[in-house]
Amino acid sequence: MAGNSQRKGAMRKAGTKKGQVVGSGGQRRRGLEPKGPTPKATEREKHPAARRARAADQRAGSGSGRPARAPGSATAPARPAKDGPELVVGRNAVVEALRAQVPATTLYVQQYVDTDDRIRESLAAAADRGIALLEVGRSELDRIAGRAVHQGLALRVPPYSYADLDDLLAGAGSARQEPLLVALDAVTDPRNLGAVIRSAAAFGAHGVVVPARRAAGVSAAAWKTSAGAAARVPVARVVNLTRALVSLQRSGFTVVGLAAGGASSWDDLDREVLAGPVVLVVGSEGAGLSRLVAQTCDLLASIPMTAATESLNASVAAGIALHEVARARRTDAAPHRD
């Protein structure tokens, strides 16, 4: 017989119900045969990617927006939802946010961190405002900050509570003034939004309107740039800016769009129009007003500039236009002398 059965001293054992026991009978060869492609990482139960996928599914099902991981997990959490809480990280950013009175719920401080004037000021400001103070370990703060460079300090900011468009009109009615609103078309820089809110507060506007998509929202950066004005000027978020402008037109507003190639110069606008209910529409720095928004405007006006300057920053243009509207209203309200 072939194989080891012919070697000297070999003994042939009796077979069993499964056959002869001499040799492997090809079982080892079949054990080495491929079993198909390696499963994806998310399909392997104990793989970290699979655990992250299950946690993401749990968050999507619960709608809480918080990671379903145990505290202390070394894996970085998913970024917060668009309208969820926001984290301000870094010593300079946190202390500036607290100085600007940005609303906050929790201040995270790393254990055994080397303190300096910024950390001491942040702790004092948080204590004065009743903000919760939490001392956490380095790994936990890394997880909370999403691996961002936090320098031992992080501030949690709650989501901004947007107003309804009707709330802006009601606020203007209670002030017994002609309504003045500012609408931003695709302005994506939150610092521009904050600067517009600050100008709106300075020149008596009753609110700011922003689109819900492809536009900056009221974040911590917008709060800081507004220098506290975001607490006084309401911001309304609308699903469709064009439809919102049409609704305001039906309510008696004149919609004035700022455009570099406007049909008329700002100096040529009727002062009586500016003294009535007005919506100033400001576009982005690059593209300006979108086509539908520009077609919806009752008037398109450009701010006079020298030939060397092509365009203005969105917040600067909004500030100039708001100043001109405020001046027109003061002139209209002033008593006329014979």
Protein backbone atom coordinates (compact mmCIF):
# COMPACT_ATOMS: atom_id res chain seq x y z
CA MET A 1 0.00 0.00 0.00
CA ALA A 2 1.23 3.47 -0.83
CA GLY A 3 2.10 5.95 1.83
CA ASN A 4 3.34 5.40 5.32
CA SER A 5 1.57 2.07 5.52
CA GLN A 6 4.58 0.46 3.72
CA ARG A 7 7.25 1.75 6.07
CA LYS A 8 8.95 -0.66 8.42
CA GLY A 9 6.99 -1.22 11.61
CA ALA A 10 3.81 0.34 10.30
CA MET A 11 0.60 -1.16 11.54
CA ARG A 12 -2.68 -1.05 9.72
CA LYS A 13 -5.50 -0.24 12.06
CA ALA A 14 -9.01 -1.37 11.55
CA GLY A 15 -11.32 1.03 9.86
CA THR A 16 -14.29 2.73 11.39
CA LYS A 17 -17.67 3.72 10.08
CA LYS A 18 -15.99 6.81 8.62
CA GLY A 19 -13.46 4.75 6.68
CA GLN A 20 -9.78 3.93 7.03
CA VAL A 21 -7.76 5.95 9.53
CA VAL A 22 -4.44 5.65 7.70
CA GLY A 23 -3.57 9.05 6.20
CA SER A 24 -5.70 12.21 6.14
CA GLY A 25 -7.86 11.21 3.22
CA GLY A 26 -7.52 14.70 1.76
CA GLN A 27 -8.99 16.43 4.80
CA ARG A 28 -5.91 18.58 5.33
CA ARG A 29 -5.90 19.63 1.68
CA ARG A 30 -9.56 20.63 1.84
CA GLY A 31 -8.84 22.59 5.03
CA LEU A 32 -6.33 24.72 3.12
CA GLU A 33 -8.75 25.57 0.33
CA PRO A 34 -9.87 29.27 0.21
CA LYS A 35 -13.14 30.15 1.95
CA GLY A 36 -13.99 33.21 -0.11
CA PRO A 37 -13.11 36.91 0.20
CA THR A 38 -12.34 38.43 3.60
CA PRO A 39 -15.46 40.12 5.05
CA LYS A 40 -15.48 43.90 5.30
CA ALA A 41 -14.36 45.42 8.59
CA THR A 42 -17.89 46.63 9.32
CA GLU A 43 -19.19 43.05 8.91
CA ARG A 44 -16.80 41.53 11.47
CA GLU A 45 -18.54 41.66 14.82
CA LYS A 46 -15.55 42.44 17.05
CA HIS A 47 -13.77 44.83 14.68
CA PRO A 48 -13.62 48.52 15.86
CA ALA A 49 -15.19 49.63 12.58
CA ALA A 50 -18.16 47.34 13.20
CA ARG A 51 -18.60 48.74 16.71
CA ARG A 52 -18.53 52.29 15.34
CA ALA A 53 -21.11 51.38 12.70
CA ARG A 54 -23.44 49.88 15.32
CA ALA A 55 -23.06 52.98 17.50
CA ALA A 56 -23.89 55.19 14.50
CA ASP A 57 -27.00 53.13 13.80
CA GLN A 58 -28.09 53.50 17.43
CA ARG A 59 -27.61 57.26 17.30
CA ALA A 60 -29.59 57.49 14.07
CA GLY A 61 -32.40 55.44 15.56
CA SER A 62 -32.60 57.33 18.83
CA GLY A 63 -32.20 60.80 17.28
CA SER A 64 -30.25 61.93 20.35
CA GLY A 65 -27.19 63.00 18.36
CA ARG A 66 -24.87 61.71 21.14
CA PRO A 67 -22.45 58.83 20.73
CA ALA A 68 -23.57 55.62 22.44
CA ARG A 69 -20.11 54.78 23.75
CA ALA A 70 -19.06 54.19 27.28
CA PRO A 71 -17.12 57.03 28.93
CA GLY A 72 -13.41 56.78 28.44
CA SER A 73 -13.54 55.19 25.00
CA ALA A 74 -10.43 56.06 23.04
CA THR A 75 -12.30 56.30 19.75
CA ALA A 76 -13.09 59.87 18.64
CA PRO A 77 -16.84 60.62 18.61
CA ALA A 78 -18.77 61.61 15.56
CA ARG A 79 -19.10 65.34 14.90
CA PRO A 80 -22.22 66.94 16.40
CA ALA A 81 -25.29 67.42 14.26
CA LYS A 82 -25.65 70.67 12.35
CA ASP A 83 -28.12 72.10 14.85
CA GLY A 84 -26.66 70.27 17.84
CA PRO A 85 -24.36 71.52 20.60
CA GLU A 86 -21.06 73.03 19.52
CA LEU A 87 -17.65 72.83 21.14
CA VAL A 88 -15.22 75.73 21.35
CA VAL A 89 -11.75 74.34 22.00
CA GLY A 90 -8.43 75.96 22.78
CA ARG A 91 -7.49 78.45 25.48
CA ASN A 92 -7.68 81.61 23.35
CA ALA A 93 -10.96 80.60 21.69
CA VAL A 94 -12.62 79.67 24.99
CA VAL A 95 -11.62 82.82 26.85
CA GLU A 96 -12.70 85.02 23.91
CA ALA A 97 -16.07 83.24 23.76
CA LEU A 98 -16.62 83.81 27.47
CA ARG A 99 -15.63 87.47 27.16
CA ALA A 100 -18.18 87.86 24.33
CA GLN A 101 -20.91 86.38 26.55
CA VAL A 102 -21.45 83.44 24.21
CA PRO A 103 -24.09 81.25 25.89
CA ALA A 104 -22.54 78.04 27.23
CA THR A 105 -23.58 75.09 29.35
CA THR A 106 -20.34 73.33 30.33
CA LEU A 107 -16.65 74.17 30.67
CA TYR A 108 -14.35 71.13 30.46
CA VAL A 109 -10.93 71.43 32.12
CA GLN A 110 -8.23 68.80 31.84
CA GLN A 111 -6.93 67.31 35.07
CA TYR A 112 -3.45 68.38 36.17
CA VAL A 113 -3.20 70.87 33.32
CA ASP A 114 -0.63 73.66 33.58
CA THR A 115 -2.71 76.73 34.38
CA ASP A 116 -2.12 80.19 33.01
CA ASP A 117 -4.02 83.49 32.96
CA ARG A 118 -6.42 82.26 30.26
CA ILE A 119 -7.48 79.19 32.22
CA ARG A 120 -7.87 81.18 35.43
CA GLU A 121 -9.97 83.80 33.64
CA SER A 122 -12.11 81.09 32.02
CA LEU A 123 -12.74 79.40 35.36
CA ALA A 124 -13.69 82.69 37.00
CA ALA A 125 -16.00 83.71 34.14
CA ALA A 126 -17.71 80.31 34.11
CA ALA A 127 -18.23 80.44 37.88
CA ASP A 128 -19.68 83.96 37.69
CA ARG A 129 -22.16 82.94 34.96
CA GLY A 130 -23.17 79.66 36.58
CA ILE A 131 -21.67 77.49 33.84
CA ALA A 132 -21.05 73.91 34.94
CA LEU A 133 -17.35 73.08 35.49
CA LEU A 134 -16.16 69.54 34.78
CA GLU A 135 -12.62 68.28 35.38
CA VAL A 136 -11.85 65.37 33.07
CA GLY A 137 -8.84 63.29 32.11
CA ARG A 138 -6.74 63.92 29.02
CA SER A 139 -8.12 60.91 27.12
CA GLU A 140 -11.71 61.85 27.91
CA LEU A 141 -11.17 65.46 26.80
CA ASP A 142 -9.57 64.16 23.59
CA ARG A 143 -12.73 62.12 22.98
CA ILE A 144 -15.05 65.05 23.77
CA ALA A 145 -13.10 67.44 21.54
CA GLY A 146 -13.01 64.99 18.64
CA ARG A 147 -9.19 64.92 18.64
CA ALA A 148 -9.02 68.70 18.14
CA VAL A 149 -6.17 70.61 19.80
CA HIS A 150 -7.92 71.71 22.99
CA GLN A 151 -4.94 72.76 25.20
CA GLY A 152 -6.81 71.40 28.21
CA LEU A 153 -9.90 73.58 27.75
CA ALA A 154 -13.22 73.14 25.93
CA LEU A 155 -16.55 74.97 26.11
CA ARG A 156 -19.89 73.44 25.14
CA VAL A 157 -22.31 75.86 23.44
CA PRO A 158 -26.01 74.93 23.11
CA PRO A 159 -27.76 75.12 19.73
CA TYR A 160 -29.12 78.55 18.84
CA SER A 161 -32.87 79.03 19.13
CA TYR A 162 -33.99 80.55 15.82
CA ALA A 163 -37.04 82.80 15.60
CA ASP A 164 -39.92 82.52 13.14
CA LEU A 165 -40.38 85.09 10.43
CA ASP A 166 -43.64 86.19 12.07
CA ASP A 167 -41.72 86.83 15.30
CA LEU A 168 -39.56 89.39 13.54
CA LEU A 169 -42.64 91.24 12.27
CA ALA A 170 -44.25 91.13 15.70
CA GLY A 171 -41.10 92.59 17.25
CA ALA A 172 -41.12 95.48 14.79
CA GLY A 173 -44.81 96.10 15.46
CA SER A 174 -44.28 96.25 19.21
CA ALA A 175 -41.49 98.80 18.71
CA ARG A 176 -43.91 101.01 16.73
CA GLN A 177 -41.40 101.40 13.91
CA GLU A 178 -41.41 100.58 10.23
CA PRO A 179 -39.94 97.09 9.95
CA LEU A 180 -36.38 96.75 8.70
CA LEU A 181 -34.95 93.29 8.03
CA VAL A 182 -31.71 91.97 6.55
CA ALA A 183 -31.73 88.77 4.47
CA LEU A 184 -28.51 86.94 3.64
CA ASP A 185 -28.30 84.89 0.45
CA ALA A 186 -25.72 82.05 0.65
CA VAL A 187 -23.38 83.85 3.06
CA THR A 188 -21.37 80.93 4.41
CA ASP A 189 -18.87 82.64 6.74
CA PRO A 190 -20.24 82.76 10.32
CA ARG A 191 -18.05 85.79 11.05
CA ASN A 192 -19.82 87.71 8.28
CA LEU A 193 -23.14 86.69 9.80
CA GLY A 194 -22.01 87.91 13.21
CA ALA A 195 -20.85 91.23 11.76
CA VAL A 196 -24.20 91.70 9.98
CA ILE A 197 -26.05 91.02 13.24
CA ARG A 198 -23.89 93.62 14.96
CA SER A 199 -24.63 96.22 12.25
CA ALA A 200 -28.33 95.34 12.39
CA ALA A 201 -28.35 96.09 16.11
CA ALA A 202 -26.44 99.34 15.63
CA PHE A 203 -28.79 100.74 12.97
CA GLY A 204 -32.15 99.62 14.32
CA ALA A 205 -32.94 96.55 12.21
CA HIS A 206 -35.52 94.22 13.69
CA GLY A 207 -34.04 90.91 12.60
CA VAL A 208 -31.91 88.88 10.21
CA VAL A 209 -33.15 86.15 7.87
CA VAL A 210 -30.89 83.29 6.74
CA PRO A 211 -31.58 80.20 4.62
CA ALA A 212 -31.51 76.80 6.27
CA ARG A 213 -29.22 75.30 3.62
CA ARG A 214 -25.88 76.37 2.14
CA ALA A 215 -25.55 79.28 4.56
CA ALA A 216 -23.90 80.03 7.86
CA GLY A 217 -25.91 79.61 11.04
CA VAL A 218 -25.52 81.25 14.42
CA SER A 219 -22.49 79.43 15.78
CA ALA A 220 -19.99 80.36 18.48
CA ALA A 221 -17.94 82.21 15.85
CA ALA A 222 -20.99 84.27 14.85
CA TRP A 223 -21.74 85.01 18.51
CA LYS A 224 -18.20 86.29 19.11
CA THR A 225 -18.18 88.51 16.03
CA SER A 226 -21.56 90.00 16.92
CA ALA A 227 -20.07 91.25 20.21
CA GLY A 228 -23.20 90.28 22.11
CA ALA A 229 -25.65 91.67 19.53
CA ALA A 230 -26.88 88.13 18.79
CA ALA A 231 -28.61 88.21 22.16
CA ARG A 232 -30.64 91.29 21.10
CA VAL A 233 -31.32 90.83 17.37
CA PRO A 234 -33.41 87.75 16.50
CA VAL A 235 -32.36 85.55 13.59
CA ALA A 236 -34.95 83.62 11.60
CA ARG A 237 -34.04 80.56 9.54
CA VAL A 238 -36.24 79.82 6.52
CA VAL A 239 -36.39 76.78 4.27
CA ASN A 240 -36.61 78.80 1.05
CA LEU A 241 -35.36 82.38 0.96
CA THR A 242 -37.18 83.24 -2.27
CA ARG A 243 -40.54 82.17 -0.87
CA ALA A 244 -39.84 84.09 2.33
CA LEU A 245 -39.15 87.27 0.34
CA VAL A 246 -42.36 86.82 -1.64
CA SER A 247 -44.26 86.44 1.63
CA LEU A 248 -42.72 89.65 2.94
CA GLN A 249 -43.63 91.48 -0.28
CA ARG A 250 -47.25 90.45 0.24
CA SER A 251 -47.00 91.92 3.75
CA GLY A 252 -46.03 95.31 2.31
CA PHE A 253 -42.22 95.11 2.30
CA THR A 254 -40.01 96.51 -0.44
CA VAL A 255 -37.21 94.06 -1.16
CA VAL A 256 -33.97 95.84 -2.03
CA GLY A 257 -31.08 93.68 -3.25
CA LEU A 258 -27.46 94.79 -3.10
CA ALA A 259 -25.75 93.95 -6.38
CA ALA A 260 -22.51 95.22 -7.90
CA GLY A 261 -24.23 95.54 -11.28
CA GLY A 262 -27.47 96.89 -9.90
CA ALA A 263 -29.91 98.73 -12.14
CA SER A 264 -29.55 101.89 -10.07
CA SER A 265 -27.11 103.47 -7.68
CA TRP A 266 -27.92 103.53 -4.00
CA ASP A 267 -27.87 107.35 -4.13
CA ASP A 268 -30.78 107.29 -6.58
CA LEU A 269 -33.15 105.27 -4.38
CA ASP A 270 -36.32 106.98 -3.24
CA ARG A 271 -35.95 108.09 0.39
CA GLU A 272 -39.66 107.41 1.00
CA VAL A 273 -39.18 103.78 -0.04
CA LEU A 274 -36.34 103.37 2.44
CA ALA A 275 -38.44 104.98 5.17
CA GLY A 276 -41.11 102.26 4.79
CA PRO A 277 -40.95 98.50 5.45
CA VAL A 278 -37.73 97.30 3.82
CA VAL A 279 -35.83 94.05 3.43
CA LEU A 280 -32.17 94.44 2.50
CA VAL A 281 -30.85 91.37 0.69
CA VAL A 282 -27.10 90.75 0.70
CA GLY A 283 -25.44 88.03 -1.36
CA SER A 284 -22.19 86.17 -0.96
CA GLU A 285 -18.86 87.82 -1.75
CA GLY A 286 -18.10 85.62 -4.73
CA ALA A 287 -21.37 84.86 -6.51
CA GLY A 288 -23.48 87.72 -5.15
CA LEU A 289 -27.24 87.28 -5.27
CA SER A 290 -28.57 84.07 -6.75
CA ARG A 291 -30.66 84.32 -9.91
CA LEU A 292 -34.05 83.60 -8.30
CA VAL A 293 -33.42 85.94 -5.37
CA ALA A 294 -32.31 88.74 -7.70
CA GLN A 295 -35.44 88.28 -9.83
CA THR A 296 -37.62 88.44 -6.71
CA CYS A 297 -36.17 91.76 -5.51
CA ASP A 298 -38.22 94.88 -6.21
CA LEU A 299 -35.06 96.95 -6.61
CA LEU A 300 -31.42 96.14 -7.30
CA ALA A 301 -29.01 98.81 -6.15
CA SER A 302 -25.24 99.12 -6.11
CA ILE A 303 -23.10 100.99 -3.60
CA PRO A 304 -20.99 103.67 -5.35
CA MET A 305 -17.29 102.77 -5.26
CA THR A 306 -14.09 103.74 -7.00
CA ALA A 307 -13.22 101.90 -10.20
CA ALA A 308 -10.32 100.09 -8.50
CA THR A 309 -12.66 98.28 -6.09
CA GLU A 310 -14.74 95.49 -7.59
CA SER A 311 -16.83 94.42 -4.59
CA LEU A 312 -17.23 94.75 -0.87
CA ASN A 313 -17.29 92.17 1.88
CA ALA A 314 -20.87 91.07 2.55
CA SER A 315 -20.92 92.39 6.11
CA VAL A 316 -19.35 95.72 5.06
CA ALA A 317 -21.94 96.17 2.31
CA ALA A 318 -24.74 95.37 4.74
CA GLY A 319 -23.39 97.90 7.26
CA ILE A 320 -23.22 100.69 4.66
CA ALA A 321 -26.75 99.97 3.40
CA LEU A 322 -28.17 99.82 6.94
CA HIS A 323 -26.54 103.16 7.74
CA GLU A 324 -28.12 104.73 4.65
CA VAL A 325 -31.56 103.36 5.55
CA ALA A 326 -31.21 104.66 9.11
CA ARG A 327 -30.20 108.09 7.81
CA ALA A 328 -33.15 108.19 5.40
CA ARG A 329 -35.51 107.38 8.24
CA ARG A 330 -34.03 110.04 10.51
CA THR A 331 -34.36 112.61 7.71
CA ASP A 332 -37.95 111.57 7.04
CA ALA A 333 -38.83 111.78 10.74
CA ALA A 334 -37.15 115.15 11.30
CA PRO A 335 -39.47 118.19 11.45
CA HIS A 336 -39.37 120.32 8.29
CA ARG A 337 -38.51 124.00 8.65
CA ASP A 338 -40.24 126.66 6.60
